[in-house]
Amino acid sequence: MKDNAFLIIIYLGAALIISRISFLKVYFSIWNTLILETFLVFIGGKNNRLIWNKDKFKKRTELEKIALKNLFNLYIGYTVTLVVAIGLFYLAGKQNYYLILCLLIGLLVLVLFLWIRNPIRCMWIITCILLLAIPLYFNQKTAIMHLGIFLPSIILVQSILDSCKEIKRSIINRNVYTSKGFLSRLKWIPAMMVGLVLLGQSLYAVFFIVKTFLS
């Protein structure tokens, strides 16, 4: 990884720039949505599922009101996404770029056959499978290496931005999170606390990756 430190920094910067461009942002952020959605389906069923807007190709929460236990599930889901990003960087550090692409293809195939019914989602997943499978099939080592660094960078940067969005949402829309009893008086405080914790651990993940793989 140290030999490719400059390349990694470039891709982290590119991931941040992409996250500021509307269409590219929506297209690439779906990787994080897939990981989060897969986890939520496993632990909570379809009631906690995230879906994409079919017309605007956006991701949004299926529930307008999020109970405290669902908020906890979302926190765990975002944390799992962050751990996945760190794991992918670890594999990149070992130069296991082939394994990174194979794991991501496996995720796409799993989601495609088990949960995806929307034509737009199917098209996106099939396109991504082809983009990842073609370099593997033709053994294009350079393309495999670049994809093996770029996609973890996208997932990591988007995890940080998702944490910031949770904080922003808790401030702007204080009624989006609901709970019972004493916590109902706190309203947005649990959501903001979750957002702050997510942001803190995301920034620590960046520090860990830089210290471990780039120093």
Protein backbone atom coordinates (compact mmCIF):
# COMPACT_ATOMS: atom_id res chain seq x y z
CA MET A 1 0.00 0.00 0.00
CA LYS A 2 2.86 2.38 0.77
CA ASP A 3 4.06 2.08 -2.83
CA ASN A 4 0.62 3.26 -3.96
CA ALA A 5 0.20 5.94 -1.27
CA PHE A 6 0.10 8.80 -3.77
CA LEU A 7 -2.47 6.96 -5.87
CA ILE A 8 -4.65 6.34 -2.82
CA ILE A 9 -4.56 10.02 -1.86
CA ILE A 10 -5.60 10.93 -5.40
CA TYR A 11 -8.53 8.52 -5.30
CA LEU A 12 -9.65 9.74 -1.88
CA GLY A 13 -9.65 13.27 -3.28
CA ALA A 14 -11.49 12.09 -6.39
CA ALA A 15 -14.09 10.34 -4.21
CA LEU A 16 -14.66 13.60 -2.34
CA ILE A 17 -15.05 15.55 -5.59
CA ILE A 18 -17.43 12.94 -7.00
CA SER A 19 -19.53 13.26 -3.84
CA ARG A 20 -20.10 16.93 -4.73
CA ILE A 21 -21.31 16.22 -8.29
CA SER A 22 -25.01 15.42 -8.33
CA PHE A 23 -25.33 12.50 -10.75
CA LEU A 24 -21.98 10.90 -9.94
CA LYS A 25 -22.69 11.28 -6.23
CA VAL A 26 -25.98 9.38 -6.49
CA TYR A 27 -24.48 6.71 -8.75
CA PHE A 28 -21.48 5.86 -6.59
CA SER A 29 -23.15 6.33 -3.19
CA ILE A 30 -25.31 3.31 -4.02
CA TRP A 31 -22.39 1.12 -2.92
CA ASN A 32 -22.90 2.31 0.64
CA THR A 33 -26.65 1.92 0.30
CA LEU A 34 -26.24 -1.68 -0.81
CA ILE A 35 -24.07 -2.56 2.17
CA LEU A 36 -26.37 -0.78 4.61
CA GLU A 37 -29.52 -2.21 3.06
CA THR A 38 -28.17 -5.75 3.07
CA PHE A 39 -27.30 -5.48 6.76
CA LEU A 40 -30.68 -3.99 7.69
CA VAL A 41 -32.56 -6.67 5.80
CA PHE A 42 -30.63 -9.36 7.66
CA ILE A 43 -31.25 -7.89 11.13
CA GLY A 44 -34.63 -6.21 10.79
CA GLY A 45 -36.49 -7.39 7.73
CA LYS A 46 -37.94 -5.19 5.03
CA ASN A 47 -39.40 -2.62 7.43
CA ASN A 48 -35.94 -1.14 7.88
CA ARG A 49 -35.02 -1.36 4.21
CA LEU A 50 -33.67 1.58 2.25
CA ILE A 51 -35.03 2.12 -1.24
CA TRP A 52 -34.12 4.30 -4.22
CA ASN A 53 -36.52 6.77 -5.75
CA LYS A 54 -37.38 5.26 -9.14
CA ASP A 55 -37.87 8.61 -10.85
CA LYS A 56 -34.97 10.64 -9.48
CA PHE A 57 -32.60 7.70 -8.91
CA LYS A 58 -32.09 8.77 -5.29
CA LYS A 59 -31.88 6.81 -2.09
CA ARG A 60 -34.28 7.65 0.72
CA THR A 61 -35.57 6.00 3.86
CA GLU A 62 -38.72 3.96 3.51
CA LEU A 63 -39.90 5.04 6.95
CA GLU A 64 -40.77 8.68 7.57
CA LYS A 65 -40.66 8.20 11.30
CA ILE A 66 -37.73 6.31 12.74
CA ALA A 67 -38.11 4.76 16.17
CA LEU A 68 -35.22 4.61 18.60
CA LYS A 69 -34.52 0.93 17.93
CA ASN A 70 -34.44 1.64 14.19
CA LEU A 71 -32.04 4.49 14.86
CA PHE A 72 -29.79 2.02 16.68
CA ASN A 73 -30.03 -0.38 13.73
CA LEU A 74 -29.05 2.44 11.37
CA TYR A 75 -26.06 3.25 13.58
CA ILE A 76 -24.93 -0.38 13.49
CA GLY A 77 -25.53 -0.45 9.74
CA TYR A 78 -23.41 2.67 9.13
CA THR A 79 -20.73 1.20 11.39
CA VAL A 80 -20.74 -2.05 9.40
CA THR A 81 -20.32 0.00 6.21
CA LEU A 82 -17.34 1.76 7.73
CA VAL A 83 -15.81 -1.55 8.84
CA VAL A 84 -16.28 -2.86 5.30
CA ALA A 85 -14.37 0.16 3.96
CA ILE A 86 -11.51 -0.49 6.41
CA GLY A 87 -11.52 -4.18 5.50
CA LEU A 88 -11.29 -3.34 1.80
CA PHE A 89 -8.37 -1.00 2.48
CA TYR A 90 -6.71 -3.81 4.44
CA LEU A 91 -7.05 -6.11 1.44
CA ALA A 92 -5.70 -3.34 -0.79
CA GLY A 93 -2.76 -3.04 1.60
CA LYS A 94 -2.09 -6.73 1.00
CA GLN A 95 -2.52 -6.05 -2.74
CA ASN A 96 -5.46 -8.46 -2.87
CA TYR A 97 -7.22 -6.41 -5.52
CA TYR A 98 -8.68 -9.52 -7.13
CA LEU A 99 -10.35 -10.48 -3.85
CA ILE A 100 -11.78 -6.97 -3.43
CA LEU A 101 -13.47 -7.14 -6.82
CA CYS A 102 -14.70 -10.69 -6.21
CA LEU A 103 -16.23 -9.72 -2.86
CA LEU A 104 -18.00 -6.73 -4.38
CA ILE A 105 -19.30 -8.85 -7.26
CA GLY A 106 -20.54 -11.39 -4.72
CA LEU A 107 -22.42 -8.64 -2.87
CA LEU A 108 -23.99 -7.42 -6.10
CA VAL A 109 -25.09 -10.93 -7.12
CA LEU A 110 -26.53 -11.59 -3.66
CA VAL A 111 -28.58 -8.40 -3.66
CA LEU A 112 -29.67 -8.88 -7.27
CA PHE A 113 -31.09 -12.36 -6.74
CA LEU A 114 -32.53 -11.94 -3.25
CA TRP A 115 -33.98 -8.42 -2.99
CA ILE A 116 -33.81 -6.36 -6.17
CA ARG A 117 -37.04 -6.11 -8.17
CA ASN A 118 -36.75 -2.58 -9.55
CA PRO A 119 -35.56 -2.37 -13.22
CA ILE A 120 -33.33 0.65 -12.55
CA ARG A 121 -31.62 -1.10 -9.68
CA CYS A 122 -31.16 -4.26 -11.76
CA MET A 123 -29.61 -2.24 -14.57
CA TRP A 124 -27.19 -0.52 -12.17
CA ILE A 125 -26.14 -3.79 -10.55
CA ILE A 126 -25.69 -5.65 -13.85
CA THR A 127 -23.63 -2.76 -15.21
CA CYS A 128 -21.39 -2.79 -12.12
CA ILE A 129 -20.97 -6.57 -12.29
CA LEU A 130 -19.81 -6.26 -15.89
CA LEU A 131 -17.44 -3.40 -15.12
CA LEU A 132 -15.85 -5.44 -12.34
CA ALA A 133 -15.92 -8.82 -14.11
CA ILE A 134 -14.40 -7.73 -17.43
CA PRO A 135 -10.99 -6.74 -15.97
CA LEU A 136 -10.98 -9.99 -13.98
CA TYR A 137 -11.82 -12.06 -17.05
CA PHE A 138 -9.11 -10.47 -19.20
CA ASN A 139 -6.69 -10.28 -16.25
CA GLN A 140 -6.13 -6.55 -16.65
CA LYS A 141 -3.94 -6.06 -13.60
CA THR A 142 -3.71 -2.28 -13.87
CA ALA A 143 -7.49 -1.85 -14.12
CA ILE A 144 -8.00 -4.30 -11.26
CA MET A 145 -5.58 -2.36 -9.05
CA HIS A 146 -7.23 0.99 -9.77
CA LEU A 147 -10.71 -0.37 -9.13
CA GLY A 148 -9.46 -2.09 -5.97
CA ILE A 149 -8.34 1.28 -4.59
CA PHE A 150 -11.03 3.54 -6.03
CA LEU A 151 -14.10 1.67 -4.74
CA PRO A 152 -12.90 1.45 -1.09
CA SER A 153 -12.15 5.19 -1.33
CA ILE A 154 -15.71 5.86 -2.48
CA ILE A 155 -17.20 3.77 0.33
CA LEU A 156 -15.00 5.43 2.98
CA VAL A 157 -15.67 9.01 1.87
CA GLN A 158 -19.39 8.35 1.52
CA SER A 159 -19.47 6.87 5.04
CA ILE A 160 -18.10 10.14 6.40
CA LEU A 161 -20.59 12.20 4.40
CA ASP A 162 -23.47 9.97 5.55
CA SER A 163 -22.49 10.69 9.15
CA CYS A 164 -22.59 14.42 8.46
CA LYS A 165 -26.02 14.02 6.85
CA GLU A 166 -27.35 12.29 9.96
CA ILE A 167 -26.24 15.25 12.09
CA LYS A 168 -27.74 17.73 9.64
CA ARG A 169 -31.02 15.82 9.43
CA SER A 170 -31.34 15.65 13.21
CA ILE A 171 -30.99 19.44 13.39
CA ILE A 172 -33.20 20.43 10.45
CA ASN A 173 -35.98 17.89 10.96
CA ARG A 174 -36.29 17.31 14.68
CA ASN A 175 -39.45 15.26 14.35
CA VAL A 176 -38.11 12.61 12.00
CA TYR A 177 -37.04 10.43 14.94
CA THR A 178 -39.68 9.29 17.39
CA SER A 179 -39.54 7.42 20.66
CA LYS A 180 -41.68 6.74 23.71
CA GLY A 181 -41.48 7.75 27.35
CA PHE A 182 -38.74 10.04 28.58
CA LEU A 183 -36.84 9.86 25.27
CA SER A 184 -39.84 11.39 23.49
CA ARG A 185 -39.00 14.68 25.21
CA LEU A 186 -35.46 14.59 23.91
CA LYS A 187 -36.66 14.24 20.31
CA TRP A 188 -33.63 14.92 18.13
CA ILE A 189 -30.90 14.52 20.76
CA PRO A 190 -30.46 10.72 20.31
CA ALA A 191 -30.21 11.23 16.54
CA MET A 192 -27.60 13.96 16.90
CA MET A 193 -25.60 11.84 19.35
CA VAL A 194 -25.63 8.97 16.87
CA GLY A 195 -24.53 11.32 14.10
CA LEU A 196 -21.67 12.68 16.19
CA VAL A 197 -20.50 9.19 17.13
CA LEU A 198 -20.67 8.13 13.48
CA LEU A 199 -18.68 11.17 12.42
CA GLY A 200 -16.10 10.59 15.14
CA GLN A 201 -15.52 6.97 14.28
CA SER A 202 -15.44 7.78 10.55
CA LEU A 203 -12.72 10.39 11.08
CA TYR A 204 -10.83 7.95 13.28
CA ALA A 205 -11.08 5.37 10.50
CA VAL A 206 -9.46 7.87 8.11
CA PHE A 207 -6.70 8.52 10.67
CA PHE A 208 -6.20 4.77 11.13
CA ILE A 209 -5.99 4.14 7.40
CA VAL A 210 -3.58 7.02 6.83
CA LYS A 211 -1.38 6.00 9.75
CA THR A 212 -1.42 2.29 8.90
CA PHE A 213 -1.26 2.28 5.13
CA LEU A 214 0.07 5.66 4.02
CA SER A 215 2.70 6.60 6.62
